[in-house]
Protein backbone atom coordinates (compact mmCIF):
# COMPACT_ATOMS: atom_id res chain seq x y z
CA UNK A 1 0.36 0.14 -0.04
CA UNK A 2 2.76 2.23 0.94
CA UNK A 3 4.56 1.45 -2.28
CA UNK A 4 1.54 2.63 -4.36
CA UNK A 5 1.09 5.64 -2.32
CA UNK A 6 4.49 6.60 -3.21
CA UNK A 7 4.42 5.35 -7.16
CA UNK A 8 0.94 7.39 -7.32
CA UNK A 9 3.42 10.98 -5.85
CA UNK A 10 6.20 10.12 -8.00
CA UNK A 11 3.45 10.13 -11.42
CA UNK A 12 1.65 13.15 -9.98
CA UNK A 13 5.36 15.04 -9.87
CA UNK A 14 6.03 13.76 -13.40
CA UNK A 15 2.61 14.69 -14.39
CA UNK A 16 2.89 18.45 -13.24
CA UNK A 17 6.69 19.08 -14.40
CA UNK A 18 5.61 17.96 -17.95
CA UNK A 19 2.63 20.09 -17.75
CA UNK A 20 5.21 22.82 -16.57
CA UNK A 21 7.13 21.97 -19.93
CA UNK A 22 4.59 22.29 -21.81
CA UNK A 23 3.62 25.04 -20.83
CA UNK A 24 6.90 27.10 -20.64
CA UNK A 25 8.64 25.34 -23.70
CA UNK A 26 9.29 28.12 -26.28
CA UNK A 27 10.46 26.98 -29.26
CA UNK A 28 12.74 29.01 -31.81
CA UNK A 29 10.76 28.45 -35.27
CA UNK A 30 11.18 30.91 -38.52
CA UNK A 31 8.66 34.15 -38.36
CA UNK A 32 6.37 35.13 -41.65
CA UNK A 33 8.08 38.69 -41.04
CA UNK A 34 11.91 38.28 -40.87
CA UNK A 35 13.78 39.81 -38.22
CA UNK A 36 16.52 42.46 -39.38
CA UNK A 37 18.66 45.16 -38.44
CA UNK A 38 20.20 48.05 -40.33
CA UNK A 39 22.96 50.52 -38.86
CA UNK A 40 25.22 53.67 -39.95
CA UNK A 41 27.83 55.21 -38.29
CA UNK A 42 27.68 58.98 -38.16
CA UNK A 43 31.11 60.25 -37.22
CA UNK A 44 31.50 58.08 -34.20
CA UNK A 45 28.22 57.47 -32.99
CA UNK A 46 26.19 54.28 -34.44
CA UNK A 47 22.58 54.39 -35.09
CA UNK A 48 20.80 51.17 -35.61
CA UNK A 49 17.51 49.78 -36.26
CA UNK A 50 16.28 46.35 -35.40
CA UNK A 51 12.67 45.84 -37.02
CA UNK A 52 10.66 42.91 -38.94
CA UNK A 53 9.74 42.66 -42.60
CA UNK A 54 6.56 42.15 -43.51
CA UNK A 55 5.59 41.90 -47.12
CA UNK A 56 2.97 43.43 -48.99
CA UNK A 57 1.60 40.35 -50.57
CA UNK A 58 -0.96 42.17 -52.19
CA UNK A 59 -2.43 43.79 -49.54
CA UNK A 60 -3.82 47.02 -49.25
CA UNK A 61 -1.08 48.64 -46.75
CA UNK A 62 -1.90 52.21 -46.22
CA UNK A 63 -5.35 52.91 -44.32
CA UNK A 64 -5.97 49.13 -44.57
CA UNK A 65 -3.23 46.82 -43.09
CA UNK A 66 -1.71 50.01 -41.27
CA UNK A 67 -4.84 51.75 -40.54
CA UNK A 68 -4.69 56.16 -40.32
CA UNK A 69 -4.19 57.68 -36.95
CA UNK A 70 -4.60 55.87 -33.29
CA UNK A 71 -6.13 52.68 -32.81
CA UNK A 72 -7.90 50.44 -30.88
CA UNK A 73 -5.97 47.11 -31.13
CA UNK A 74 -8.41 44.55 -29.30
CA UNK A 75 -5.70 43.91 -26.69
CA UNK A 76 -3.44 44.90 -24.01
CA UNK A 77 -4.15 47.53 -21.84
CA UNK A 78 -3.70 50.98 -24.67
CA UNK A 79 -7.23 52.06 -25.48
CA UNK A 80 -5.24 53.90 -28.51
CA UNK A 81 -2.22 52.59 -30.25
CA UNK A 82 0.13 53.62 -32.91
CA UNK A 83 1.74 51.57 -35.34
CA UNK A 84 4.85 49.71 -34.12
CA UNK A 85 6.40 50.67 -37.69
CA UNK A 86 7.28 46.80 -38.74
CA UNK A 87 5.80 43.43 -37.43
CA UNK A 88 5.95 41.39 -34.29
CA UNK A 89 7.79 43.29 -31.39
CA UNK A 90 8.71 46.63 -30.79
CA UNK A 91 10.92 48.23 -33.89
CA UNK A 92 13.58 49.72 -31.76
CA UNK A 93 16.00 52.25 -32.40
CA UNK A 94 19.27 52.74 -30.89
CA UNK A 95 21.27 55.58 -30.31
CA UNK A 96 25.10 55.73 -29.04
CA UNK A 97 25.24 59.33 -28.11
CA UNK A 98 22.52 62.01 -27.84
CA UNK A 99 20.99 63.09 -31.44
CA UNK A 100 18.50 64.84 -33.01
CA UNK A 101 15.89 63.62 -35.01
CA UNK A 102 14.19 66.22 -37.44
CA UNK A 103 16.14 69.17 -35.47
CA UNK A 104 15.00 68.21 -31.86
CA UNK A 105 16.81 66.40 -29.20
CA UNK A 106 16.73 62.99 -28.12
CA UNK A 107 19.29 61.54 -25.40
CA UNK A 108 21.28 58.46 -26.02
CA UNK A 109 19.26 55.31 -25.30
CA UNK A 110 16.92 52.39 -27.07
CA UNK A 111 13.71 53.73 -28.22
CA UNK A 112 10.30 51.91 -29.33
CA UNK A 113 9.85 52.90 -32.78
CA UNK A 114 5.76 53.48 -33.41
CA UNK A 115 4.31 56.03 -36.17
CA UNK A 116 0.70 57.28 -36.68
CA UNK A 117 -0.09 57.23 -40.43
CA UNK A 118 -2.38 60.14 -41.39
CA UNK A 119 -4.45 60.62 -44.79
CA UNK A 120 -2.90 63.48 -45.99
CA UNK A 121 0.40 62.17 -46.79
CA UNK A 122 1.92 62.85 -43.07
CA UNK A 123 3.02 60.83 -40.51
CA UNK A 124 4.12 61.27 -36.46
CA UNK A 125 7.16 59.57 -35.40
CA UNK A 126 7.17 58.13 -31.62
CA UNK A 127 10.10 57.33 -29.75
CA UNK A 128 9.30 55.23 -26.52
CA UNK A 129 11.29 54.94 -23.76
CA UNK A 130 9.71 51.61 -23.42
CA UNK A 131 11.04 49.56 -25.95
CA UNK A 132 11.25 45.96 -24.71
CA UNK A 133 6.86 45.88 -25.23
CA UNK A 134 5.87 43.74 -27.84
CA UNK A 135 4.29 45.56 -30.39
CA UNK A 136 1.98 48.61 -29.36
CA UNK A 137 -0.61 47.09 -27.53
CA UNK A 138 0.52 48.38 -24.07
CA UNK A 139 1.47 51.84 -25.70
CA UNK A 140 1.33 54.71 -22.77
CA UNK A 141 1.88 58.31 -24.39
CA UNK A 142 3.61 58.65 -20.97
CA UNK A 143 6.58 57.01 -22.10
CA UNK A 144 7.10 59.08 -25.18
CA UNK A 145 10.72 60.55 -25.13
CA UNK A 146 9.65 62.60 -28.29
CA UNK A 147 7.28 62.84 -31.31
CA UNK A 148 7.94 64.62 -34.73
CA UNK A 149 6.09 65.01 -37.90
CA UNK A 150 7.66 64.08 -41.00
CA UNK A 151 6.24 64.14 -44.77
CA UNK A 152 5.81 61.02 -46.28
CA UNK A 153 6.70 60.45 -49.88
CA UNK A 154 5.77 58.22 -53.34
CA UNK A 155 8.14 56.05 -54.47
CA UNK A 156 8.65 52.70 -56.46
CA UNK A 157 7.21 50.07 -54.97
CA UNK A 158 9.22 47.87 -52.14
CA UNK A 159 7.98 44.49 -51.36
CA UNK A 160 8.89 44.07 -47.80
CA UNK A 161 9.51 46.32 -45.48
CA UNK A 162 12.95 48.07 -45.37
CA UNK A 163 14.55 50.79 -43.54
CA UNK A 164 17.95 52.03 -45.06
CA UNK A 165 19.88 55.10 -44.28
CA UNK A 166 20.46 57.58 -47.12
CA UNK A 167 22.09 60.69 -47.68
CA UNK A 168 24.73 60.44 -45.20
CA UNK A 169 27.01 63.19 -44.53
CA UNK A 170 29.97 63.70 -41.97
CA UNK A 171 26.90 64.52 -39.10
CA UNK A 172 23.70 63.43 -40.37
CA UNK A 173 22.07 60.86 -42.13
CA UNK A 174 18.32 59.91 -43.35
CA UNK A 175 16.51 57.24 -41.94
CA UNK A 176 14.29 56.08 -44.36
CA UNK A 177 11.16 53.57 -43.91
CA UNK A 178 10.25 52.14 -47.72
CA UNK A 179 7.15 49.74 -47.76
CA UNK A 180 4.30 49.17 -50.63
CA UNK A 181 4.68 52.62 -52.58
CA UNK A 182 5.29 55.02 -49.89
CA UNK A 183 8.82 56.12 -48.06
CA UNK A 184 8.76 57.54 -44.11
CA UNK A 185 12.38 59.42 -43.87
CA UNK A 186 13.55 61.38 -40.81
CA UNK A 187 16.72 63.00 -40.62
CA UNK A 188 19.28 62.05 -37.47
CA UNK A 189 21.67 64.37 -36.61
CA UNK A 190 25.18 63.95 -34.45
CA UNK A 191 27.08 66.60 -32.76
CA UNK A 192 30.04 64.88 -34.18
CA UNK A 193 32.56 67.54 -32.61
CA UNK A 194 30.93 67.52 -29.33
CA UNK A 195 30.74 63.87 -28.92
CA UNK A 196 34.47 63.00 -30.73
CA UNK A 197 35.95 65.40 -28.04
CA UNK A 198 34.10 64.04 -24.97
CA UNK A 199 35.37 60.73 -26.35
CA UNK A 200 38.79 61.97 -26.64
CA UNK A 201 39.13 63.41 -22.84
CA UNK A 202 37.74 60.02 -21.37
CA UNK A 203 40.85 58.24 -23.83
CA UNK A 204 43.12 60.81 -22.52
CA UNK A 205 42.62 59.31 -19.27
CA UNK A 206 43.13 55.71 -20.14
CA UNK A 207 45.41 53.51 -21.81
CA UNK A 208 45.73 55.67 -25.67
CA UNK A 209 46.24 58.69 -23.33
CA UNK A 210 49.78 57.22 -22.24
CA UNK A 211 50.64 58.04 -26.36
CA UNK A 212 52.04 61.05 -27.37
CA UNK A 213 50.72 61.13 -30.96
CA UNK A 214 47.19 60.75 -28.93
CA UNK A 215 47.69 64.14 -27.27
CA UNK A 216 48.96 65.26 -30.75
CA UNK A 217 45.86 63.87 -32.52
CA UNK A 218 43.49 65.05 -29.62
CA UNK A 219 44.97 68.81 -29.94
CA UNK A 220 44.55 69.06 -33.84
CA UNK A 221 41.05 67.53 -33.74
CA UNK A 222 39.97 70.67 -31.45
CA UNK A 223 41.82 72.83 -33.54
CA UNK A 224 40.17 72.00 -36.78
CA UNK A 225 36.48 71.34 -35.75
CA UNK A 226 35.75 73.76 -33.07
CA UNK A 227 37.06 72.52 -29.84
CA UNK A 228 38.29 74.95 -26.94
CA UNK A 229 41.79 76.31 -28.05
CA UNK A 230 42.86 76.79 -24.31
CA UNK A 231 42.30 73.09 -23.86
CA UNK A 232 43.73 71.96 -27.26
CA UNK A 233 47.00 73.92 -26.40
CA UNK A 234 47.05 72.26 -22.88
CA UNK A 235 46.75 69.12 -25.21
CA UNK A 236 49.88 69.90 -27.46
CA UNK A 237 51.56 71.21 -24.92
CA UNK A 238 52.01 67.90 -23.05
CA UNK A 239 53.52 66.33 -26.05
CA UNK A 240 56.35 69.13 -25.92
CA UNK A 241 57.22 69.65 -22.51
CA UNK A 242 54.70 67.26 -20.53
CA UNK A 243 56.23 65.11 -17.81
CA UNK A 244 55.54 61.84 -19.46
CA UNK A 245 56.84 62.23 -23.15
CA UNK A 246 58.06 65.81 -24.00
CA UNK A 247 59.62 65.59 -26.93
CA UNK A 248 59.97 68.47 -30.30
CA UNK A 249 58.91 67.64 -33.49
CA UNK A 250 57.69 69.36 -36.27
CA UNK A 251 54.23 67.90 -35.84
CA UNK A 252 53.26 68.81 -32.32
CA UNK A 253 55.21 72.18 -32.69
CA UNK A 254 53.08 73.09 -36.08
CA UNK A 255 49.92 72.29 -34.07
CA UNK A 256 50.89 74.50 -31.57
CA UNK A 257 51.71 77.07 -34.14
CA UNK A 258 48.30 77.20 -35.71
CA UNK A 259 46.16 76.98 -32.43
CA UNK A 260 48.29 80.34 -31.23
CA UNK A 261 47.87 81.89 -34.66
CA UNK A 262 43.63 81.04 -34.07
CA UNK A 263 44.05 82.65 -31.20
CA UNK A 264 45.41 85.94 -32.25
CA UNK A 265 48.92 85.50 -30.86
CA UNK A 266 50.45 86.14 -34.51
CA UNK A 267 54.24 86.57 -33.13
CA UNK A 268 54.35 83.82 -30.68
CA UNK A 269 52.70 81.39 -33.30
CA UNK A 270 55.47 82.55 -36.16
CA UNK A 271 58.48 82.17 -33.53
CA UNK A 272 57.18 78.02 -32.57
CA UNK A 273 56.74 77.85 -36.60
CA UNK A 274 60.41 79.06 -36.73
CA UNK A 275 61.49 76.58 -34.59
CA UNK A 276 59.63 73.74 -36.21
CA UNK A 277 61.00 74.17 -39.40
CA UNK A 278 64.29 73.03 -37.85
CA UNK A 279 62.88 69.60 -37.34
CA UNK A 280 60.93 69.69 -40.53
CA UNK A 281 61.57 66.92 -43.62
CA UNK A 282 62.07 68.46 -47.17
CA UNK A 283 58.55 67.41 -47.90
CA UNK A 284 56.95 69.06 -45.12
CA UNK A 285 58.78 72.42 -45.46
CA UNK A 286 57.82 72.00 -49.04
CA UNK A 287 54.29 71.65 -47.81
CA UNK A 288 54.33 74.28 -45.55
CA UNK A 289 55.73 76.85 -48.36
CA UNK A 290 52.83 76.11 -50.40
CA UNK A 291 50.31 76.59 -47.48
CA UNK A 292 51.88 80.31 -47.09
CA UNK A 293 51.27 80.76 -50.99
CA UNK A 294 47.61 79.71 -50.23
CA UNK A 295 47.26 82.43 -47.10
CA UNK A 296 48.93 85.07 -50.02
CA UNK A 297 52.15 85.20 -47.78
CA UNK A 298 54.43 85.16 -51.04
CA UNK A 299 57.30 86.53 -49.73
CA UNK A 300 57.85 84.34 -46.27
CA UNK A 301 56.73 81.65 -48.91
CA UNK A 302 59.67 81.98 -51.03
CA UNK A 303 62.30 82.43 -48.20
CA UNK A 304 60.72 79.30 -46.91
CA UNK A 305 61.75 77.44 -50.24
CA UNK A 306 65.22 79.13 -50.25
CA UNK A 307 65.76 77.43 -46.81
CA UNK A 308 64.64 74.17 -47.94
CA UNK A 309 67.13 74.31 -50.82
CA UNK A 310 69.96 75.29 -48.67
CA UNK A 311 69.18 72.78 -46.29
CA UNK A 312 68.08 69.61 -48.52
CA UNK A 313 70.51 70.82 -51.63
CA UNK A 314 69.83 68.62 -54.74
CA UNK A 315 66.92 66.72 -53.40
CA UNK A 316 63.85 66.26 -54.50
CA UNK A 317 60.94 68.62 -54.48
CA UNK A 318 63.20 71.68 -53.63
CA UNK A 319 63.77 73.10 -57.21
CA UNK A 320 60.01 72.53 -57.19
CA UNK A 321 58.98 74.59 -54.62
CA UNK A 322 61.75 77.06 -55.53
CA UNK A 323 59.48 77.50 -58.85
CA UNK A 324 55.98 77.84 -56.97
CA UNK A 325 58.07 80.39 -54.88
CA UNK A 326 59.41 82.63 -58.00
CA UNK A 327 55.97 81.96 -59.78
CA UNK A 328 53.84 83.24 -57.03
CA UNK A 329 55.88 86.50 -57.05
CA UNK A 330 55.41 86.98 -61.07
CA UNK A 331 59.02 86.07 -61.73
CA UNK A 332 58.42 83.59 -64.40
CA UNK A 333 61.69 83.24 -65.91
CA UNK A 334 63.31 82.14 -62.73
CA UNK A 335 60.19 79.93 -61.87
CA UNK A 336 60.92 78.18 -65.03
CA UNK A 337 65.08 78.15 -64.70
CA UNK A 338 63.97 75.76 -61.72
CA UNK A 339 61.13 73.88 -62.44
CA UNK A 340 63.10 72.38 -65.68
CA UNK A 341 65.85 71.46 -62.98
CA UNK A 342 63.10 69.65 -60.94
CA UNK A 343 61.85 67.84 -64.29
CA UNK A 344 65.36 66.14 -63.93
CA UNK A 345 64.50 64.88 -60.42
CA UNK A 346 60.89 64.01 -60.53
CA UNK A 347 60.62 60.56 -58.95
CA UNK A 348 57.50 59.27 -60.87
CA UNK A 349 55.17 59.71 -64.07
CA UNK A 350 52.73 61.68 -62.57
CA UNK A 351 55.24 64.66 -61.41
CA UNK A 352 56.98 64.41 -64.67
CA UNK A 353 53.78 64.96 -66.66
CA UNK A 354 52.55 67.70 -64.08
CA UNK A 355 55.84 69.58 -64.32
CA UNK A 356 55.52 69.11 -68.18
CA UNK A 357 51.99 71.20 -68.06
CA UNK A 358 53.25 73.85 -65.55
CA UNK A 359 56.58 74.31 -67.84
CA UNK A 360 53.87 75.14 -70.82
CA UNK A 361 51.94 77.45 -68.00
CA UNK A 362 55.10 79.68 -67.41
CA UNK A 363 55.66 79.87 -71.17
CA UNK A 364 52.54 81.26 -71.29
CA UNK A 365 53.13 83.89 -68.19
CA UNK A 366 50.51 82.02 -66.07
CA UNK A 367 51.26 81.20 -62.36
CA UNK A 368 51.48 77.76 -61.81
CA UNK A 369 49.92 78.02 -58.15
């Protein structure tokens, strides 16, 4: 009797266990609307969209399959729900750093992307802080992080719902949903210099900060991208006279000179640049001379080209530089003389071909710069 009782208990336990397994088991099976992810880097900020891709499959999409306005979906806690901007679970958009959507600020993070489609070819994009929900059945406007209105466009047929990033620039990209014969584009903008400079500050406090080149790169980026010039000057000074890796070279002195010039300290900038030329290679001095011509400092440019010819006598491209310097000042006779010498020293065919063309220009009395 006791044995029968124990068998019954064991059998009951097994039935309970298998029932739980049956209820809780989740098989991974293919879905009709396949999951997809698309991403785009803007500056150093990665933007990604994860979504499921329903097909048109001969159905009327806009106003039917995707109803206009907010709708009661007949399930969940939401009395009115937007479209989930895809199929199955939430369409999730992720920003690694703060962005602007159509000019409106949105913090870094993950968001459930929903849309309200209107009859007049307009749509309202909703970025919901609740990104883990399944669809929009439990949508709550209190969770909205941002709403923006955009215009829909008529396009060629797209059978499967698709997100793309188009018209990518240095600090923007146009994210676009395409389905059936409509497109819903929205502009994503990143303050790239701000993001990069914040990242630089973090890196300088970690292992990359123990390299002189890192500090040079940081100062140069700040100089050329609207960074704080006092901060940039501090970074470059750390490479010149810092405790860990002080070493003067053409690169760091040149960057310091440019920072000082941008701060209006022209005399000090010129002094630092003169020191930089002591460490410069023949090509660095040549490039600086061309830079001076571009700044309309023609006399100084010729002086730099002459210094290069004296320091690196007979090397390529010192005579090429002298020809540019004399040409800038209108002395085409001397420019032609040095250009003919340069033609014999040119190291490759592209430079030889360029010199042939420059010779013809000088013969016509035309500046080669």
